[in-house]
Amino acid sequence: MTDIRRPALRYTADITVEDIDGLAGFIERRVVLLREAAARPGGE
């Protein structure tokens, strides 16, 4: 097997403020769920 150098894949995307707000909201909801689960007896 030989080592073949391949160019790195590059992606570009147009990200809007709405996309960032949506992603931030998604992450925030997951963090809240994790915190609530950890606060329960037996939670980690």
PDB file of N, CA and C in Angstrom:
ATOM      1  N   MET A   1       0.848  -1.174   0.000  1.00  0.00           N
ATOM      2  CA  MET A   1       0.000   0.000   0.000  1.00  0.00           C
ATOM      3  C   MET A   1       0.895   1.240   0.000  1.00  0.00           C
ATOM      4  N   THR A   2       0.609   2.151  -0.842  1.00  0.00           N
ATOM      5  CA  THR A   2       1.431   3.359  -0.929  1.00  0.00           C
ATOM      6  C   THR A   2       0.690   4.551  -0.343  1.00  0.00           C
ATOM      7  N   ASP A   3       1.459   5.496   0.127  1.00  0.00           N
ATOM      8  CA  ASP A   3       0.864   6.726   0.641  1.00  0.00           C
ATOM      9  C   ASP A   3       0.620   7.667  -0.531  1.00  0.00           C
ATOM     10  N   ILE A   4      -0.607   8.065  -0.683  1.00  0.00           N
ATOM     11  CA  ILE A   4      -0.964   8.987  -1.754  1.00  0.00           C
ATOM     12  C   ILE A   4      -1.400  10.289  -1.112  1.00  0.00           C
ATOM     13  N   ARG A   5      -0.780  11.356  -1.504  1.00  0.00           N
ATOM     14  CA  ARG A   5      -1.185  12.674  -0.976  1.00  0.00           C
ATOM     15  C   ARG A   5      -2.410  13.143  -1.720  1.00  0.00           C
ATOM     16  N   ARG A   6      -3.427  13.450  -0.948  1.00  0.00           N
ATOM     17  CA  ARG A   6      -4.671  13.942  -1.528  1.00  0.00           C
ATOM     18  C   ARG A   6      -4.950  15.319  -0.954  1.00  0.00           C
ATOM     19  N   PRO A   7      -5.474  16.193  -1.762  1.00  0.00           N
ATOM     20  CA  PRO A   7      -5.783  17.530  -1.237  1.00  0.00           C
ATOM     21  C   PRO A   7      -6.905  17.440  -0.199  1.00  0.00           C
ATOM     22  N   ALA A   8      -6.821  18.293   0.789  1.00  0.00           N
ATOM     23  CA  ALA A   8      -7.862  18.330   1.814  1.00  0.00           C
ATOM     24  C   ALA A   8      -9.179  18.781   1.195  1.00  0.00           C
ATOM     25  N   LEU A   9     -10.244  18.172   1.664  1.00  0.00           N
ATOM     26  CA  LEU A   9     -11.561  18.594   1.192  1.00  0.00           C
ATOM     27  C   LEU A   9     -11.903  19.919   1.843  1.00  0.00           C
ATOM     28  N   ARG A  10     -12.467  20.782   1.084  1.00  0.00           N
ATOM     29  CA  ARG A  10     -12.845  22.089   1.620  1.00  0.00           C
ATOM     30  C   ARG A  10     -14.304  22.348   1.290  1.00  0.00           C
ATOM     31  N   TYR A  11     -14.997  22.819   2.283  1.00  0.00           N
ATOM     32  CA  TYR A  11     -16.408  23.117   2.109  1.00  0.00           C
ATOM     33  C   TYR A  11     -16.653  24.578   2.446  1.00  0.00           C
ATOM     34  N   THR A  12     -17.516  25.182   1.724  1.00  0.00           N
ATOM     35  CA  THR A  12     -17.953  26.526   2.066  1.00  0.00           C
ATOM     36  C   THR A  12     -19.468  26.499   2.177  1.00  0.00           C
ATOM     37  N   ALA A  13     -19.957  27.312   3.065  1.00  0.00           N
ATOM     38  CA  ALA A  13     -21.405  27.378   3.260  1.00  0.00           C
ATOM     39  C   ALA A  13     -21.770  28.803   3.621  1.00  0.00           C
ATOM     40  N   ASP A  14     -22.917  29.196   3.174  1.00  0.00           N
ATOM     41  CA  ASP A  14     -23.436  30.494   3.559  1.00  0.00           C
ATOM     42  C   ASP A  14     -24.215  30.291   4.854  1.00  0.00           C
ATOM     43  N   ILE A  15     -23.752  30.908   5.908  1.00  0.00           N
ATOM     44  CA  ILE A  15     -24.405  30.786   7.209  1.00  0.00           C
ATOM     45  C   ILE A  15     -25.042  32.127   7.537  1.00  0.00           C
ATOM     46  N   THR A  16     -26.298  32.074   7.865  1.00  0.00           N
ATOM     47  CA  THR A  16     -27.027  33.291   8.182  1.00  0.00           C
ATOM     48  C   THR A  16     -27.167  33.443   9.691  1.00  0.00           C
ATOM     49  N   VAL A  17     -27.573  34.602  10.112  1.00  0.00           N
ATOM     50  CA  VAL A  17     -27.804  34.852  11.541  1.00  0.00           C
ATOM     51  C   VAL A  17     -28.883  33.896  12.056  1.00  0.00           C
ATOM     52  N   GLU A  18     -29.876  33.625  11.243  1.00  0.00           N
ATOM     53  CA  GLU A  18     -30.934  32.707  11.652  1.00  0.00           C
ATOM     54  C   GLU A  18     -30.381  31.301  11.882  1.00  0.00           C
ATOM     55  N   ASP A  19     -29.439  30.882  11.034  1.00  0.00           N
ATOM     56  CA  ASP A  19     -28.812  29.571  11.220  1.00  0.00           C
ATOM     57  C   ASP A  19     -28.074  29.514  12.553  1.00  0.00           C
ATOM     58  N   ILE A  20     -27.332  30.555  12.855  1.00  0.00           N
ATOM     59  CA  ILE A  20     -26.558  30.595  14.101  1.00  0.00           C
ATOM     60  C   ILE A  20     -27.496  30.634  15.300  1.00  0.00           C
ATOM     61  N   ASP A  21     -28.560  31.419  15.211  1.00  0.00           N
ATOM     62  CA  ASP A  21     -29.528  31.476  16.305  1.00  0.00           C
ATOM     63  C   ASP A  21     -30.186  30.116  16.512  1.00  0.00           C
ATOM     64  N   GLY A  22     -30.517  29.455  15.429  1.00  0.00           N
ATOM     65  CA  GLY A  22     -31.123  28.126  15.527  1.00  0.00           C
ATOM     66  C   GLY A  22     -30.187  27.122  16.155  1.00  0.00           C
ATOM     67  N   LEU A  23     -28.929  27.151  15.764  1.00  0.00           N
ATOM     68  CA  LEU A  23     -27.942  26.244  16.336  1.00  0.00           C
ATOM     69  C   LEU A  23     -27.717  26.546  17.812  1.00  0.00           C
ATOM     70  N   ALA A  24     -27.636  27.812  18.160  1.00  0.00           N
ATOM     71  CA  ALA A  24     -27.452  28.201  19.566  1.00  0.00           C
ATOM     72  C   ALA A  24     -28.640  27.735  20.405  1.00  0.00           C
ATOM     73  N   GLY A  25     -29.850  27.881  19.875  1.00  0.00           N
ATOM     74  CA  GLY A  25     -31.037  27.425  20.596  1.00  0.00           C
ATOM     75  C   GLY A  25     -31.037  25.922  20.789  1.00  0.00           C
ATOM     76  N   PHE A  26     -30.632  25.188  19.762  1.00  0.00           N
ATOM     77  CA  PHE A  26     -30.558  23.737  19.841  1.00  0.00           C
ATOM     78  C   PHE A  26     -29.577  23.314  20.936  1.00  0.00           C
ATOM     79  N   ILE A  27     -28.395  23.905  20.941  1.00  0.00           N
ATOM     80  CA  ILE A  27     -27.371  23.568  21.937  1.00  0.00           C
ATOM     81  C   ILE A  27     -27.853  23.941  23.337  1.00  0.00           C
ATOM     82  N   GLU A  28     -28.465  25.104  23.463  1.00  0.00           N
ATOM     83  CA  GLU A  28     -28.949  25.544  24.772  1.00  0.00           C
ATOM     84  C   GLU A  28     -29.991  24.562  25.328  1.00  0.00           C
ATOM     85  N   ARG A  29     -30.902  24.097  24.480  1.00  0.00           N
ATOM     86  CA  ARG A  29     -31.914  23.137  24.949  1.00  0.00           C
ATOM     87  C   ARG A  29     -31.256  21.837  25.399  1.00  0.00           C
ATOM     88  N   ARG A  30     -30.234  21.394  24.684  1.00  0.00           N
ATOM     89  CA  ARG A  30     -29.552  20.149  25.066  1.00  0.00           C
ATOM     90  C   ARG A  30     -28.801  20.317  26.388  1.00  0.00           C
ATOM     91  N   VAL A  31     -28.185  21.472  26.588  1.00  0.00           N
ATOM     92  CA  VAL A  31     -27.465  21.727  27.837  1.00  0.00           C
ATOM     93  C   VAL A  31     -28.439  21.723  29.008  1.00  0.00           C
ATOM     94  N   VAL A  32     -29.601  22.348  28.818  1.00  0.00           N
ATOM     95  CA  VAL A  32     -30.615  22.361  29.873  1.00  0.00           C
ATOM     96  C   VAL A  32     -31.047  20.935  30.206  1.00  0.00           C
ATOM     97  N   LEU A  33     -31.283  20.113  29.190  1.00  0.00           N
ATOM     98  CA  LEU A  33     -31.677  18.726  29.432  1.00  0.00           C
ATOM     99  C   LEU A  33     -30.601  17.963  30.195  1.00  0.00           C
ATOM    100  N   LEU A  34     -29.343  18.181  29.831  1.00  0.00           N
ATOM    101  CA  LEU A  34     -28.244  17.503  30.526  1.00  0.00           C
ATOM    102  C   LEU A  34     -28.148  17.952  31.980  1.00  0.00           C
ATOM    103  N   ARG A  35     -28.298  19.243  32.225  1.00  0.00           N
ATOM    104  CA  ARG A  35     -28.236  19.752  33.588  1.00  0.00           C
ATOM    105  C   ARG A  35     -29.381  19.213  34.430  1.00  0.00           C
ATOM    106  N   GLU A  36     -30.582  19.171  33.849  1.00  0.00           N
ATOM    107  CA  GLU A  36     -31.729  18.641  34.582  1.00  0.00           C
ATOM    108  C   GLU A  36     -31.536  17.166  34.902  1.00  0.00           C
ATOM    109  N   ALA A  37     -30.998  16.413  33.956  1.00  0.00           N
ATOM    110  CA  ALA A  37     -30.767  14.988  34.188  1.00  0.00           C
ATOM    111  C   ALA A  37     -29.709  14.787  35.270  1.00  0.00           C
ATOM    112  N   ALA A  38     -28.692  15.616  35.288  1.00  0.00           N
ATOM    113  CA  ALA A  38     -27.622  15.487  36.291  1.00  0.00           C
ATOM    114  C   ALA A  38     -28.119  15.869  37.674  1.00  0.00           C
ATOM    115  N   ALA A  39     -29.116  16.751  37.754  1.00  0.00           N
ATOM    116  CA  ALA A  39     -29.615  17.195  39.054  1.00  0.00           C
ATOM    117  C   ALA A  39     -30.522  16.159  39.707  1.00  0.00           C
ATOM    118  N   ARG A  40     -31.029  15.215  38.929  1.00  0.00           N
ATOM    119  CA  ARG A  40     -31.895  14.179  39.480  1.00  0.00           C
ATOM    120  C   ARG A  40     -31.081  13.194  40.304  1.00  0.00           C
ATOM    121  N   PRO A  41     -31.709  12.577  41.301  1.00  0.00           N
ATOM    122  CA  PRO A  41     -31.001  11.547  42.063  1.00  0.00           C
ATOM    123  C   PRO A  41     -30.516  10.430  41.134  1.00  0.00           C
ATOM    124  N   GLY A  42     -29.276  10.065  41.279  1.00  0.00           N
ATOM    125  CA  GLY A  42     -28.692   9.041  40.424  1.00  0.00           C
ATOM    126  C   GLY A  42     -28.168   9.595  39.110  1.00  0.00           C
ATOM    127  N   GLY A  43     -28.329  10.888  38.888  1.00  0.00           N
ATOM    128  CA  GLY A  43     -27.813  11.494  37.660  1.00  0.00           C
ATOM    129  C   GLY A  43     -26.309  11.682  37.745  1.00  0.00           C
ATOM    130  N   GLU A  44     -25.710  11.769  36.574  1.00  0.00           N
ATOM    131  CA  GLU A  44     -24.250  11.987  36.553  1.00  0.00           C
ATOM    132  C   GLU A  44     -23.930  13.373  36.080  1.00  0.00           C
TER     133      GLU A  44
END
